[in-house]
Amino acid sequence: MPETQPTYRMAHVATTSDTLTSRGGLALFVRDRSQIQMAPLLEQAFGPLRKSRKGLPLWSLFQPLFCFFLDGTSRHLRYVDHLKADPGYAATLESPQAQLASSHAMKRFFKALAWTAGGSFRTILNQLFVWRLKLVGPRVIEATIETMVLDHDEAPKRHGVQPTYKQVKVFSPCR
């Protein structure tokens, strides 16, 4: 019977004089993701992607993926295999080493995502934003929009296009 590795949980956060690795902040990030109950939202949005219940749970794919993007040590997906072999990384993610996904599993997951998955992510981010607003309860929310001006001089149809001070016909969504 294979040995099961213990799952480590962070008890408290305090200052230290010890030298921390570059992944020192990942433990706090992991704890925050688990505290805000993001896993059920992801399961609801992306659960239908799973063809079989045999593989890793969705959270075991998303959590290391979020940490991989946040860490930024490597831009190559095969670096996930290196991280999977590190027991300290598994402890940082508060998950057993066997539950960490390989780069091949991540690639299969990315292939299963359709280009329309962005809508599901936007829905989740919207739900988290509203949840955080209800939690904080600010009196005023100030929203700003940054636009990108697109040059439409060569476009055959120019609905909504106005010339700029340099006499270039452009389209800006906030005009």
Protein backbone atom coordinates (compact mmCIF):
# COMPACT_ATOMS: atom_id res chain seq x y z
CA MET A 1 0.00 0.00 0.00
CA PRO A 2 1.49 3.41 -0.95
CA GLU A 3 2.34 5.83 1.81
CA THR A 4 0.10 8.84 2.02
CA GLN A 5 1.80 12.15 2.61
CA PRO A 6 0.39 14.44 5.26
CA THR A 7 -1.39 17.57 4.17
CA TYR A 8 0.06 20.62 5.89
CA ARG A 9 -2.14 23.53 6.88
CA MET A 10 -0.90 26.99 7.76
CA ALA A 11 -1.66 27.75 11.40
CA HIS A 12 -0.82 31.46 11.53
CA VAL A 13 1.08 34.22 9.75
CA ALA A 14 3.86 36.14 11.49
CA THR A 15 7.11 37.94 10.72
CA THR A 16 10.39 36.05 10.66
CA SER A 17 14.07 36.77 10.37
CA ASP A 18 14.56 33.61 8.30
CA THR A 19 15.32 33.86 4.62
CA LEU A 20 12.27 32.86 2.62
CA THR A 21 12.31 31.43 -0.86
CA SER A 22 10.77 33.22 -3.79
CA ARG A 23 7.67 31.05 -3.27
CA GLY A 24 7.07 32.41 0.23
CA GLY A 25 3.93 34.27 -0.84
CA LEU A 26 2.36 31.27 -2.57
CA ALA A 27 1.21 29.79 0.74
CA LEU A 28 -0.76 32.94 1.50
CA PHE A 29 -2.19 32.96 -2.02
CA VAL A 30 -3.24 29.30 -1.70
CA ARG A 31 -4.87 29.96 1.65
CA ASP A 32 -6.76 32.95 0.23
CA ARG A 33 -8.03 30.91 -2.76
CA SER A 34 -9.30 28.16 -0.45
CA GLN A 35 -10.89 30.64 2.00
CA ILE A 36 -12.95 32.40 -0.66
CA GLN A 37 -14.44 29.08 -1.79
CA MET A 38 -13.35 29.42 -5.40
CA ALA A 39 -13.40 25.65 -6.04
CA PRO A 40 -17.23 25.32 -6.19
CA LEU A 41 -17.44 28.21 -8.66
CA LEU A 42 -14.83 26.58 -10.91
CA GLU A 43 -16.53 23.19 -10.59
CA GLN A 44 -19.86 24.70 -11.59
CA ALA A 45 -18.41 26.51 -14.61
CA PHE A 46 -15.93 23.92 -15.86
CA GLY A 47 -17.28 20.66 -14.42
CA PRO A 48 -18.89 19.59 -17.72
CA LEU A 49 -15.42 19.53 -19.32
CA ARG A 50 -14.56 16.35 -17.45
CA LYS A 51 -15.37 13.27 -19.45
CA SER A 52 -14.56 10.89 -16.59
CA ARG A 53 -14.38 11.11 -12.80
CA LYS A 54 -11.21 8.95 -12.77
CA GLY A 55 -8.73 11.81 -13.12
CA LEU A 56 -7.76 14.63 -10.82
CA PRO A 57 -10.46 16.95 -9.47
CA LEU A 58 -10.76 20.30 -11.23
CA TRP A 59 -9.36 22.16 -8.23
CA SER A 60 -6.20 20.03 -8.47
CA LEU A 61 -5.73 21.45 -11.97
CA PHE A 62 -6.67 25.05 -11.29
CA GLN A 63 -4.84 25.60 -8.00
CA PRO A 64 -1.34 24.70 -9.27
CA LEU A 65 -2.11 26.52 -12.50
CA PHE A 66 -2.96 29.75 -10.66
CA CYS A 67 0.19 29.36 -8.57
CA PHE A 68 2.27 28.65 -11.69
CA PHE A 69 1.03 31.89 -13.27
CA LEU A 70 1.56 33.87 -10.05
CA ASP A 71 5.03 32.40 -9.38
CA GLY A 72 6.39 33.22 -12.83
CA THR A 73 9.62 31.26 -12.32
CA SER A 74 9.24 29.65 -15.71
CA ARG A 75 7.05 30.32 -18.72
CA HIS A 76 7.22 26.70 -19.90
CA LEU A 77 4.42 24.34 -18.98
CA ARG A 78 6.86 21.45 -18.64
CA TYR A 79 8.17 23.21 -15.51
CA VAL A 80 5.02 21.85 -13.83
CA ASP A 81 6.69 18.41 -13.89
CA HIS A 82 9.66 19.83 -11.99
CA LEU A 83 7.32 21.36 -9.41
CA LYS A 84 5.37 18.10 -9.10
CA ALA A 85 8.54 16.32 -7.98
CA ASP A 86 9.16 18.87 -5.19
CA PRO A 87 7.55 17.81 -1.87
CA GLY A 88 7.98 21.35 -0.52
CA TYR A 89 5.91 22.73 -3.36
CA ALA A 90 3.14 20.21 -2.63
CA ALA A 91 3.19 21.29 1.02
CA THR A 92 2.99 24.94 -0.07
CA LEU A 93 -0.11 24.11 -2.11
CA GLU A 94 -1.51 22.18 0.88
CA SER A 95 -2.10 19.12 -1.23
CA PRO A 96 -0.61 15.63 -1.45
CA GLN A 97 2.17 15.26 -4.00
CA ALA A 98 0.13 12.61 -5.85
CA GLN A 99 -2.65 15.19 -6.39
CA LEU A 100 -0.40 17.56 -8.36
CA ALA A 101 -1.05 17.49 -12.10
CA SER A 102 1.64 16.76 -14.67
CA SER A 103 2.31 18.99 -17.66
CA HIS A 104 0.55 16.42 -19.86
CA ALA A 105 -2.60 16.63 -17.73
CA MET A 106 -2.44 20.43 -17.95
CA LYS A 107 -2.10 20.25 -21.75
CA ARG A 108 -5.11 17.93 -21.99
CA PHE A 109 -7.06 20.34 -19.80
CA PHE A 110 -6.14 23.31 -22.02
CA LYS A 111 -7.22 21.36 -25.11
CA ALA A 112 -10.60 20.70 -23.50
CA LEU A 113 -11.16 24.43 -22.92
CA ALA A 114 -13.01 26.08 -25.75
CA TRP A 115 -12.29 29.62 -26.84
CA THR A 116 -15.57 30.54 -25.19
CA ALA A 117 -14.21 29.64 -21.73
CA GLY A 118 -13.37 33.31 -21.23
CA GLY A 119 -17.06 33.94 -20.59
CA SER A 120 -17.06 31.43 -17.75
CA PHE A 121 -13.99 33.07 -16.23
CA ARG A 122 -15.63 36.49 -16.49
CA THR A 123 -18.74 35.13 -14.73
CA ILE A 124 -16.60 33.75 -11.90
CA LEU A 125 -14.66 37.01 -11.57
CA ASN A 126 -17.94 38.93 -11.52
CA GLN A 127 -19.32 36.70 -8.74
CA LEU A 128 -16.11 37.12 -6.72
CA PHE A 129 -16.19 40.90 -7.27
CA VAL A 130 -19.80 41.18 -6.07
CA TRP A 131 -19.03 38.92 -3.08
CA ARG A 132 -16.07 41.13 -2.13
CA LEU A 133 -18.18 44.28 -2.53
CA LYS A 134 -20.83 42.88 -0.21
CA LEU A 135 -18.12 41.93 2.27
CA VAL A 136 -16.41 45.34 2.28
CA GLY A 137 -19.50 47.48 1.63
CA PRO A 138 -17.89 50.63 0.20
CA ARG A 139 -20.00 53.78 -0.03
CA VAL A 140 -18.66 54.73 -3.46
CA ILE A 141 -17.23 52.63 -6.29
CA GLU A 142 -15.15 54.57 -8.78
CA ALA A 143 -14.75 52.84 -12.12
CA THR A 144 -12.52 54.09 -14.89
CA ILE A 145 -12.18 52.83 -18.43
CA GLU A 146 -9.04 52.91 -20.50
CA THR A 147 -9.63 52.74 -24.22
CA MET A 148 -7.46 51.82 -27.13
CA VAL A 149 -7.81 53.90 -30.28
CA LEU A 150 -7.95 51.78 -33.43
CA ASP A 151 -6.92 53.16 -36.83
CA HIS A 152 -9.73 52.59 -39.35
CA ASP A 153 -8.44 54.64 -42.28
CA GLU A 154 -8.44 51.60 -44.59
CA ALA A 155 -11.73 50.10 -43.40
CA PRO A 156 -14.52 49.96 -46.05
CA LYS A 157 -17.24 50.64 -43.43
CA ARG A 158 -16.60 53.27 -40.80
CA HIS A 159 -19.63 53.38 -38.50
CA GLY A 160 -18.85 55.55 -35.48
CA VAL A 161 -15.49 56.73 -36.81
CA GLN A 162 -14.37 60.30 -36.16
CA PRO A 163 -11.19 62.07 -37.24
CA THR A 164 -8.56 62.82 -34.57
CA TYR A 165 -6.45 65.93 -34.29
CA LYS A 166 -3.99 64.29 -36.73
CA GLN A 167 -6.82 63.77 -39.25
CA VAL A 168 -6.70 59.97 -38.88
CA LYS A 169 -10.11 58.27 -38.92
CA VAL A 170 -10.25 56.22 -35.71
CA PHE A 171 -12.77 54.31 -33.65
CA SER A 172 -12.78 54.49 -29.86
CA PRO A 173 -15.57 52.67 -28.00
CA CYS A 174 -15.93 55.47 -25.40
CA ARG A 175 -16.49 58.36 -27.81
